[in-house]
Amino acid sequence: MKLTPHNRHILIEMPDETEDSGEPAAFLLPEGYEKPKSEFVKVAITDCTASELDLGSHAIVPRHMIQEISIDGVIFHLILDNYVLASVE
C-alpha cells in the first residue's frame, strides 16, 4: 500500500527503538515499565513532495508531534513540515 502525503505533511519512517541489553536489572521494575524516551527523535524522510522544504535523508522532530495512522494493518507516520527542527544527511 502506498500513502501519499498532502497539505505540507511529510511521510517519515520511525527508527527501531527496541532496547534489550540482555543484562539483568540491579533492582526489580514494575511490569510494563518503559525507560523514558527523549523529547526529540531522528527520523528517515520517506516522502516530502507535499512540503516546500528541501530536506535531506533524515530530520530531527519532536516525538509528540508525530501522527501515527494505521490503514489495513499497515502503520504510517506523518509530521507537518512546521515541526521539522533540522535536517540531517
PDB file of N, CA and C in Angstrom:
ATOM      1  N   MET A   1       0.847  -1.174   0.000  1.00  0.00           N
ATOM      2  CA  MET A   1       0.000   0.000   0.000  1.00  0.00           C
ATOM      3  C   MET A   1       0.893   1.237   0.000  1.00  0.00           C
ATOM      4  N   LYS A   2       0.515   2.234  -0.776  1.00  0.00           N
ATOM      5  CA  LYS A   2       1.272   3.476  -0.865  1.00  0.00           C
ATOM      6  C   LYS A   2       0.423   4.617  -0.327  1.00  0.00           C
ATOM      7  N   LEU A   3       1.008   5.407   0.546  1.00  0.00           N
ATOM      8  CA  LEU A   3       0.335   6.569   1.115  1.00  0.00           C
ATOM      9  C   LEU A   3       1.031   7.814   0.572  1.00  0.00           C
ATOM     10  N   THR A   4       0.262   8.740   0.029  1.00  0.00           N
ATOM     11  CA  THR A   4       0.812   9.988  -0.492  1.00  0.00           C
ATOM     12  C   THR A   4       0.405  11.128   0.424  1.00  0.00           C
ATOM     13  N   PRO A   5       1.373  11.795   1.071  1.00  0.00           N
ATOM     14  CA  PRO A   5       1.032  12.888   1.986  1.00  0.00           C
ATOM     15  C   PRO A   5       0.578  14.140   1.233  1.00  0.00           C
ATOM     16  N   HIS A   6      -0.307  14.918   1.859  1.00  0.00           N
ATOM     17  CA  HIS A   6      -0.800  16.173   1.304  1.00  0.00           C
ATOM     18  C   HIS A   6      -0.774  17.245   2.389  1.00  0.00           C
ATOM     19  N   ASN A   7      -1.060  18.478   2.012  1.00  0.00           N
ATOM     20  CA  ASN A   7      -1.167  19.612   2.936  1.00  0.00           C
ATOM     21  C   ASN A   7       0.074  19.777   3.824  1.00  0.00           C
ATOM     22  N   ARG A   8       1.237  19.794   3.210  1.00  0.00           N
ATOM     23  CA  ARG A   8       2.524  20.046   3.883  1.00  0.00           C
ATOM     24  C   ARG A   8       2.928  18.964   4.876  1.00  0.00           C
ATOM     25  N   HIS A   9       2.338  17.790   4.781  1.00  0.00           N
ATOM     26  CA  HIS A   9       2.744  16.687   5.644  1.00  0.00           C
ATOM     27  C   HIS A   9       3.888  15.918   4.999  1.00  0.00           C
ATOM     28  N   ILE A  10       4.713  15.326   5.839  1.00  0.00           N
ATOM     29  CA  ILE A  10       5.875  14.573   5.393  1.00  0.00           C
ATOM     30  C   ILE A  10       5.725  13.147   5.905  1.00  0.00           C
ATOM     31  N   LEU A  11       5.887  12.182   5.012  1.00  0.00           N
ATOM     32  CA  LEU A  11       5.842  10.771   5.388  1.00  0.00           C
ATOM     33  C   LEU A  11       7.216  10.397   5.916  1.00  0.00           C
ATOM     34  N   ILE A  12       7.247   9.852   7.125  1.00  0.00           N
ATOM     35  CA  ILE A  12       8.519   9.522   7.764  1.00  0.00           C
ATOM     36  C   ILE A  12       8.541   8.067   8.181  1.00  0.00           C
ATOM     37  N   GLU A  13       9.732   7.580   8.468  1.00  0.00           N
ATOM     38  CA  GLU A  13       9.917   6.234   8.983  1.00  0.00           C
ATOM     39  C   GLU A  13      10.586   6.345  10.341  1.00  0.00           C
ATOM     40  N   MET A  14       9.946   5.764  11.354  1.00  0.00           N
ATOM     41  CA  MET A  14      10.467   5.816  12.717  1.00  0.00           C
ATOM     42  C   MET A  14      11.624   4.838  12.881  1.00  0.00           C
ATOM     43  N   PRO A  15      12.606   5.182  13.714  1.00  0.00           N
ATOM     44  CA  PRO A  15      13.706   4.247  13.969  1.00  0.00           C
ATOM     45  C   PRO A  15      13.234   3.100  14.868  1.00  0.00           C
ATOM     46  N   ASP A  16      13.916   1.982  14.784  1.00  0.00           N
ATOM     47  CA  ASP A  16      13.624   0.851  15.654  1.00  0.00           C
ATOM     48  C   ASP A  16      14.199   1.164  17.029  1.00  0.00           C
ATOM     49  N   GLU A  17      13.329   1.294  18.022  1.00  0.00           N
ATOM     50  CA  GLU A  17      13.768   1.714  19.350  1.00  0.00           C
ATOM     51  C   GLU A  17      13.691   0.595  20.372  1.00  0.00           C
ATOM     52  N   THR A  18      13.685  -0.640  19.910  1.00  0.00           N
ATOM     53  CA  THR A  18      13.674  -1.744  20.865  1.00  0.00           C
ATOM     54  C   THR A  18      15.048  -1.851  21.489  1.00  0.00           C
ATOM     55  N   GLU A  19      15.061  -1.857  22.803  1.00  0.00           N
ATOM     56  CA  GLU A  19      16.333  -1.901  23.522  1.00  0.00           C
ATOM     57  C   GLU A  19      16.286  -3.058  24.503  1.00  0.00           C
ATOM     58  N   ASP A  20      17.138  -4.042  24.274  1.00  0.00           N
ATOM     59  CA  ASP A  20      17.230  -5.170  25.177  1.00  0.00           C
ATOM     60  C   ASP A  20      18.699  -5.450  25.413  1.00  0.00           C
ATOM     61  N   SER A  21      19.204  -5.017  26.543  1.00  0.00           N
ATOM     62  CA  SER A  21      20.620  -5.178  26.835  1.00  0.00           C
ATOM     63  C   SER A  21      20.966  -6.607  27.207  1.00  0.00           C
ATOM     64  N   GLY A  22      19.961  -7.396  27.609  1.00  0.00           N
ATOM     65  CA  GLY A  22      20.216  -8.773  27.970  1.00  0.00           C
ATOM     66  C   GLY A  22      20.756  -8.933  29.383  1.00  0.00           C
ATOM     67  N   GLU A  23      21.111  -7.840  30.028  1.00  0.00           N
ATOM     68  CA  GLU A  23      21.642  -7.894  31.383  1.00  0.00           C
ATOM     69  C   GLU A  23      20.485  -7.817  32.378  1.00  0.00           C
ATOM     70  N   PRO A  24      20.560  -8.585  33.442  1.00  0.00           N
ATOM     71  CA  PRO A  24      19.505  -8.478  34.451  1.00  0.00           C
ATOM     72  C   PRO A  24      19.588  -7.138  35.180  1.00  0.00           C
ATOM     73  N   ALA A  25      18.431  -6.606  35.537  1.00  0.00           N
ATOM     74  CA  ALA A  25      18.385  -5.319  36.224  1.00  0.00           C
ATOM     75  C   ALA A  25      18.922  -5.463  37.646  1.00  0.00           C
ATOM     76  N   ALA A  26      19.508  -4.388  38.158  1.00  0.00           N
ATOM     77  CA  ALA A  26      20.053  -4.398  39.516  1.00  0.00           C
ATOM     78  C   ALA A  26      18.914  -4.392  40.543  1.00  0.00           C
ATOM     79  N   PHE A  27      17.724  -3.964  40.129  1.00  0.00           N
ATOM     80  CA  PHE A  27      16.573  -3.957  41.023  1.00  0.00           C
ATOM     81  C   PHE A  27      15.329  -4.269  40.201  1.00  0.00           C
ATOM     82  N   LEU A  28      14.276  -4.662  40.850  1.00  0.00           N
ATOM     83  CA  LEU A  28      13.046  -5.052  40.161  1.00  0.00           C
ATOM     84  C   LEU A  28      12.243  -3.833  39.736  1.00  0.00           C
ATOM     85  N   LEU A  29      11.705  -3.911  38.535  1.00  0.00           N
ATOM     86  CA  LEU A  29      10.869  -2.842  37.990  1.00  0.00           C
ATOM     87  C   LEU A  29       9.448  -3.362  37.825  1.00  0.00           C
ATOM     88  N   PRO A  30       8.461  -2.491  37.878  1.00  0.00           N
ATOM     89  CA  PRO A  30       7.071  -2.930  37.671  1.00  0.00           C
ATOM     90  C   PRO A  30       6.872  -3.503  36.269  1.00  0.00           C
ATOM     91  N   GLU A  31       5.909  -4.405  36.151  1.00  0.00           N
ATOM     92  CA  GLU A  31       5.571  -4.974  34.842  1.00  0.00           C
ATOM     93  C   GLU A  31       5.158  -3.854  33.891  1.00  0.00           C
ATOM     94  N   GLY A  32       5.619  -3.910  32.650  1.00  0.00           N
ATOM     95  CA  GLY A  32       5.242  -2.916  31.656  1.00  0.00           C
ATOM     96  C   GLY A  32       6.017  -1.613  31.737  1.00  0.00           C
ATOM     97  N   TYR A  33       6.995  -1.523  32.633  1.00  0.00           N
ATOM     98  CA  TYR A  33       7.780  -0.291  32.760  1.00  0.00           C
ATOM     99  C   TYR A  33       8.610  -0.084  31.510  1.00  0.00           C
ATOM    100  N   GLU A  34       8.617   1.145  30.998  1.00  0.00           N
ATOM    101  CA  GLU A  34       9.451   1.503  29.859  1.00  0.00           C
ATOM    102  C   GLU A  34      10.349   2.662  30.244  1.00  0.00           C
ATOM    103  N   LYS A  35      11.577   2.609  29.793  1.00  0.00           N
ATOM    104  CA  LYS A  35      12.509   3.700  30.027  1.00  0.00           C
ATOM    105  C   LYS A  35      11.980   4.946  29.313  1.00  0.00           C
ATOM    106  N   PRO A  36      12.003   6.113  29.962  1.00  0.00           N
ATOM    107  CA  PRO A  36      11.518   7.336  29.303  1.00  0.00           C
ATOM    108  C   PRO A  36      12.296   7.613  28.010  1.00  0.00           C
ATOM    109  N   LYS A  37      11.563   8.047  26.996  1.00  0.00           N
ATOM    110  CA  LYS A  37      12.183   8.338  25.697  1.00  0.00           C
ATOM    111  C   LYS A  37      12.506   9.818  25.603  1.00  0.00           C
ATOM    112  N   SER A  38      13.481  10.141  24.760  1.00  0.00           N
ATOM    113  CA  SER A  38      13.876  11.542  24.591  1.00  0.00           C
ATOM    114  C   SER A  38      12.764  12.341  23.926  1.00  0.00           C
ATOM    115  N   GLU A  39      12.811  13.645  24.100  1.00  0.00           N
ATOM    116  CA  GLU A  39      11.775  14.527  23.557  1.00  0.00           C
ATOM    117  C   GLU A  39      11.843  14.613  22.030  1.00  0.00           C
ATOM    118  N   PHE A  40      13.034  14.465  21.474  1.00  0.00           N
ATOM    119  CA  PHE A  40      13.235  14.580  20.029  1.00  0.00           C
ATOM    120  C   PHE A  40      13.718  13.251  19.461  1.00  0.00           C
ATOM    121  N   VAL A  41      13.437  13.024  18.173  1.00  0.00           N
ATOM    122  CA  VAL A  41      13.821  11.773  17.537  1.00  0.00           C
ATOM    123  C   VAL A  41      14.310  12.057  16.116  1.00  0.00           C
ATOM    124  N   LYS A  42      15.292  11.263  15.680  1.00  0.00           N
ATOM    125  CA  LYS A  42      15.805  11.357  14.305  1.00  0.00           C
ATOM    126  C   LYS A  42      15.013  10.358  13.465  1.00  0.00           C
ATOM    127  N   VAL A  43      14.348  10.858  12.421  1.00  0.00           N
ATOM    128  CA  VAL A  43      13.501  10.025  11.564  1.00  0.00           C
ATOM    129  C   VAL A  43      14.021  10.047  10.138  1.00  0.00           C
ATOM    130  N   ALA A  44      13.716   9.002   9.394  1.00  0.00           N
ATOM    131  CA  ALA A  44      14.065   8.931   7.974  1.00  0.00           C
ATOM    132  C   ALA A  44      12.934   9.549   7.159  1.00  0.00           C
ATOM    133  N   ILE A  45      13.285  10.390   6.201  1.00  0.00           N
ATOM    134  CA  ILE A  45      12.297  11.022   5.320  1.00  0.00           C
ATOM    135  C   ILE A  45      11.968  10.042   4.196  1.00  0.00           C
ATOM    136  N   THR A  46      10.686   9.707   4.052  1.00  0.00           N
ATOM    137  CA  THR A  46      10.244   8.788   3.009  1.00  0.00           C
ATOM    138  C   THR A  46       9.661   9.537   1.820  1.00  0.00           C
ATOM    139  N   ASP A  47       8.791  10.531   2.090  1.00  0.00           N
ATOM    140  CA  ASP A  47       8.149  11.299   1.014  1.00  0.00           C
ATOM    141  C   ASP A  47       7.862  12.707   1.523  1.00  0.00           C
ATOM    142  N   CYS A  48       8.499  13.707   0.899  1.00  0.00           N
ATOM    143  CA  CYS A  48       8.251  15.096   1.299  1.00  0.00           C
ATOM    144  C   CYS A  48       7.812  15.945   0.111  1.00  0.00           C
ATOM    145  N   THR A  49       7.114  15.336  -0.861  1.00  0.00           N
ATOM    146  CA  THR A  49       6.684  16.061  -2.053  1.00  0.00           C
ATOM    147  C   THR A  49       5.607  17.101  -1.756  1.00  0.00           C
ATOM    148  N   ALA A  50       4.847  16.922  -0.679  1.00  0.00           N
ATOM    149  CA  ALA A  50       3.793  17.873  -0.331  1.00  0.00           C
ATOM    150  C   ALA A  50       4.340  19.088   0.422  1.00  0.00           C
ATOM    151  N   SER A  51       5.613  19.064   0.759  1.00  0.00           N
ATOM    152  CA  SER A  51       6.248  20.149   1.507  1.00  0.00           C
ATOM    153  C   SER A  51       7.152  20.955   0.590  1.00  0.00           C
ATOM    154  N   GLU A  52       7.315  22.220   0.914  1.00  0.00           N
ATOM    155  CA  GLU A  52       8.213  23.071   0.140  1.00  0.00           C
ATOM    156  C   GLU A  52       9.638  23.031   0.679  1.00  0.00           C
ATOM    157  N   LEU A  53       9.873  22.293   1.754  1.00  0.00           N
ATOM    158  CA  LEU A  53      11.194  22.197   2.356  1.00  0.00           C
ATOM    159  C   LEU A  53      12.114  21.327   1.508  1.00  0.00           C
ATOM    160  N   ASP A  54      13.381  21.689   1.492  1.00  0.00           N
ATOM    161  CA  ASP A  54      14.399  20.883   0.824  1.00  0.00           C
ATOM    162  C   ASP A  54      15.116  20.091   1.915  1.00  0.00           C
ATOM    163  N   LEU A  55      14.610  18.891   2.168  1.00  0.00           N
ATOM    164  CA  LEU A  55      15.128  18.084   3.269  1.00  0.00           C
ATOM    165  C   LEU A  55      16.121  17.048   2.772  1.00  0.00           C
ATOM    166  N   GLY A  56      16.981  16.637   3.680  1.00  0.00           N
ATOM    167  CA  GLY A  56      17.920  15.566   3.378  1.00  0.00           C
ATOM    168  C   GLY A  56      17.254  14.220   3.580  1.00  0.00           C
ATOM    169  N   SER A  57      18.048  13.235   3.947  1.00  0.00           N
ATOM    170  CA  SER A  57      17.512  11.886   4.125  1.00  0.00           C
ATOM    171  C   SER A  57      16.923  11.662   5.513  1.00  0.00           C
ATOM    172  N   HIS A  58      17.319  12.495   6.487  1.00  0.00           N
ATOM    173  CA  HIS A  58      16.819  12.373   7.857  1.00  0.00           C
ATOM    174  C   HIS A  58      16.472  13.748   8.418  1.00  0.00           C
ATOM    175  N   ALA A  59      15.630  13.755   9.461  1.00  0.00           N
ATOM    176  CA  ALA A  59      15.242  15.011  10.102  1.00  0.00           C
ATOM    177  C   ALA A  59      15.101  14.785  11.605  1.00  0.00           C
ATOM    178  N   ILE A  60      15.234  15.868  12.365  1.00  0.00           N
ATOM    179  CA  ILE A  60      15.022  15.853  13.801  1.00  0.00           C
ATOM    180  C   ILE A  60      13.665  16.500  14.063  1.00  0.00           C
ATOM    181  N   VAL A  61      12.784  15.772  14.770  1.00  0.00           N
ATOM    182  CA  VAL A  61      11.424  16.252  15.019  1.00  0.00           C
ATOM    183  C   VAL A  61      11.033  15.981  16.472  1.00  0.00           C
ATOM    184  N   PRO A  62      10.073  16.760  17.012  1.00  0.00           N
ATOM    185  CA  PRO A  62       9.565  16.458  18.355  1.00  0.00           C
ATOM    186  C   PRO A  62       8.731  15.173  18.315  1.00  0.00           C
ATOM    187  N   ARG A  63       9.011  14.274  19.222  1.00  0.00           N
ATOM    188  CA  ARG A  63       8.354  12.971  19.249  1.00  0.00           C
ATOM    189  C   ARG A  63       6.831  13.097  19.391  1.00  0.00           C
ATOM    190  N   HIS A  64       6.363  14.043  20.196  1.00  0.00           N
ATOM    191  CA  HIS A  64       4.922  14.137  20.467  1.00  0.00           C
ATOM    192  C   HIS A  64       4.115  14.701  19.298  1.00  0.00           C
ATOM    193  N   MET A  65       4.761  15.213  18.259  1.00  0.00           N
ATOM    194  CA  MET A  65       4.027  15.767  17.111  1.00  0.00           C
ATOM    195  C   MET A  65       3.873  14.774  15.960  1.00  0.00           C
ATOM    196  N   ILE A  66       4.408  13.587  16.104  1.00  0.00           N
ATOM    197  CA  ILE A  66       4.307  12.568  15.053  1.00  0.00           C
ATOM    198  C   ILE A  66       2.915  11.947  15.087  1.00  0.00           C
ATOM    199  N   GLN A  67       2.275  11.909  13.928  1.00  0.00           N
ATOM    200  CA  GLN A  67       0.940  11.321  13.784  1.00  0.00           C
ATOM    201  C   GLN A  67       1.099   9.880  13.286  1.00  0.00           C
ATOM    202  N   GLU A  68       0.487   8.933  13.980  1.00  0.00           N
ATOM    203  CA  GLU A  68       0.540   7.534  13.570  1.00  0.00           C
ATOM    204  C   GLU A  68      -0.807   7.148  12.973  1.00  0.00           C
ATOM    205  N   ILE A  69      -0.780   6.624  11.747  1.00  0.00           N
ATOM    206  CA  ILE A  69      -2.002   6.244  11.043  1.00  0.00           C
ATOM    207  C   ILE A  69      -1.906   4.766  10.685  1.00  0.00           C
ATOM    208  N   SER A  70      -2.940   4.006  11.015  1.00  0.00           N
ATOM    209  CA  SER A  70      -2.982   2.587  10.679  1.00  0.00           C
ATOM    210  C   SER A  70      -4.101   2.357   9.669  1.00  0.00           C
ATOM    211  N   ILE A  71      -3.734   1.841   8.486  1.00  0.00           N
ATOM    212  CA  ILE A  71      -4.706   1.560   7.431  1.00  0.00           C
ATOM    213  C   ILE A  71      -4.505   0.122   6.985  1.00  0.00           C
ATOM    214  N   ASP A  72      -5.537  -0.683   7.147  1.00  0.00           N
ATOM    215  CA  ASP A  72      -5.496  -2.109   6.780  1.00  0.00           C
ATOM    216  C   ASP A  72      -4.302  -2.821   7.407  1.00  0.00           C
ATOM    217  N   GLY A  73      -3.975  -2.488   8.638  1.00  0.00           N
ATOM    218  CA  GLY A  73      -2.884  -3.152   9.341  1.00  0.00           C
ATOM    219  C   GLY A  73      -1.499  -2.609   9.039  1.00  0.00           C
ATOM    220  N   VAL A  74      -1.396  -1.645   8.135  1.00  0.00           N
ATOM    221  CA  VAL A  74      -0.113  -1.026   7.808  1.00  0.00           C
ATOM    222  C   VAL A  74      -0.030   0.304   8.559  1.00  0.00           C
ATOM    223  N   ILE A  75       1.087   0.531   9.256  1.00  0.00           N
ATOM    224  CA  ILE A  75       1.247   1.750  10.051  1.00  0.00           C
ATOM    225  C   ILE A  75       2.115   2.751   9.302  1.00  0.00           C
ATOM    226  N   PHE A  76       1.608   3.988   9.195  1.00  0.00           N
ATOM    227  CA  PHE A  76       2.337   5.095   8.575  1.00  0.00           C
ATOM    228  C   PHE A  76       2.549   6.176   9.620  1.00  0.00           C
ATOM    229  N   HIS A  77       3.650   6.922   9.478  1.00  0.00           N
ATOM    230  CA  HIS A  77       3.929   8.036  10.381  1.00  0.00           C
ATOM    231  C   HIS A  77       4.068   9.309   9.550  1.00  0.00           C
ATOM    232  N   LEU A  78       3.371  10.368   9.985  1.00  0.00           N
ATOM    233  CA  LEU A  78       3.394  11.656   9.302  1.00  0.00           C
ATOM    234  C   LEU A  78       3.735  12.755  10.292  1.00  0.00           C
ATOM    235  N   ILE A  79       4.337  13.821   9.772  1.00  0.00           N
ATOM    236  CA  ILE A  79       4.576  15.012  10.580  1.00  0.00           C
ATOM    237  C   ILE A  79       4.403  16.230   9.683  1.00  0.00           C
ATOM    238  N   LEU A  80       3.849  17.290  10.232  1.00  0.00           N
ATOM    239  CA  LEU A  80       3.684  18.534   9.490  1.00  0.00           C
ATOM    240  C   LEU A  80       5.048  19.195   9.338  1.00  0.00           C
ATOM    241  N   ASP A  81       5.315  19.807   8.183  1.00  0.00           N
ATOM    242  CA  ASP A  81       6.653  20.368   7.931  1.00  0.00           C
ATOM    243  C   ASP A  81       7.047  21.485   8.900  1.00  0.00           C
ATOM    244  N   ASN A  82       6.084  22.117   9.566  1.00  0.00           N
ATOM    245  CA  ASN A  82       6.404  23.147  10.563  1.00  0.00           C
ATOM    246  C   ASN A  82       7.203  22.592  11.730  1.00  0.00           C
ATOM    247  N   TYR A  83       7.077  21.300  12.001  1.00  0.00           N
ATOM    248  CA  TYR A  83       7.698  20.702  13.183  1.00  0.00           C
ATOM    249  C   TYR A  83       9.070  20.100  12.916  1.00  0.00           C
ATOM    250  N   VAL A  84       9.569  20.219  11.693  1.00  0.00           N
ATOM    251  CA  VAL A  84      10.921  19.735  11.404  1.00  0.00           C
ATOM    252  C   VAL A  84      11.907  20.773  11.954  1.00  0.00           C
ATOM    253  N   LEU A  85      12.732  20.341  12.910  1.00  0.00           N
ATOM    254  CA  LEU A  85      13.686  21.250  13.545  1.00  0.00           C
ATOM    255  C   LEU A  85      14.985  21.350  12.780  1.00  0.00           C
ATOM    256  N   ALA A  86      15.435  20.255  12.197  1.00  0.00           N
ATOM    257  CA  ALA A  86      16.699  20.239  11.456  1.00  0.00           C
ATOM    258  C   ALA A  86      16.707  19.076  10.495  1.00  0.00           C
ATOM    259  N   SER A  87      17.462  19.209   9.419  1.00  0.00           N
ATOM    260  CA  SER A  87      17.630  18.083   8.508  1.00  0.00           C
ATOM    261  C   SER A  87      19.057  17.550   8.670  1.00  0.00           C
ATOM    262  N   VAL A  88      19.185  16.253   8.487  1.00  0.00           N
ATOM    263  CA  VAL A  88      20.463  15.567   8.692  1.00  0.00           C
ATOM    264  C   VAL A  88      20.730  14.716   7.453  1.00  0.00           C
ATOM    265  N   GLU A  89      21.937  14.761   6.970  1.00  0.00           N
ATOM    266  CA  GLU A  89      22.318  13.939   5.810  1.00  0.00           C
ATOM    267  C   GLU A  89      22.781  12.570   6.235  1.00  0.00           C
TER     268      GLU A  89
END
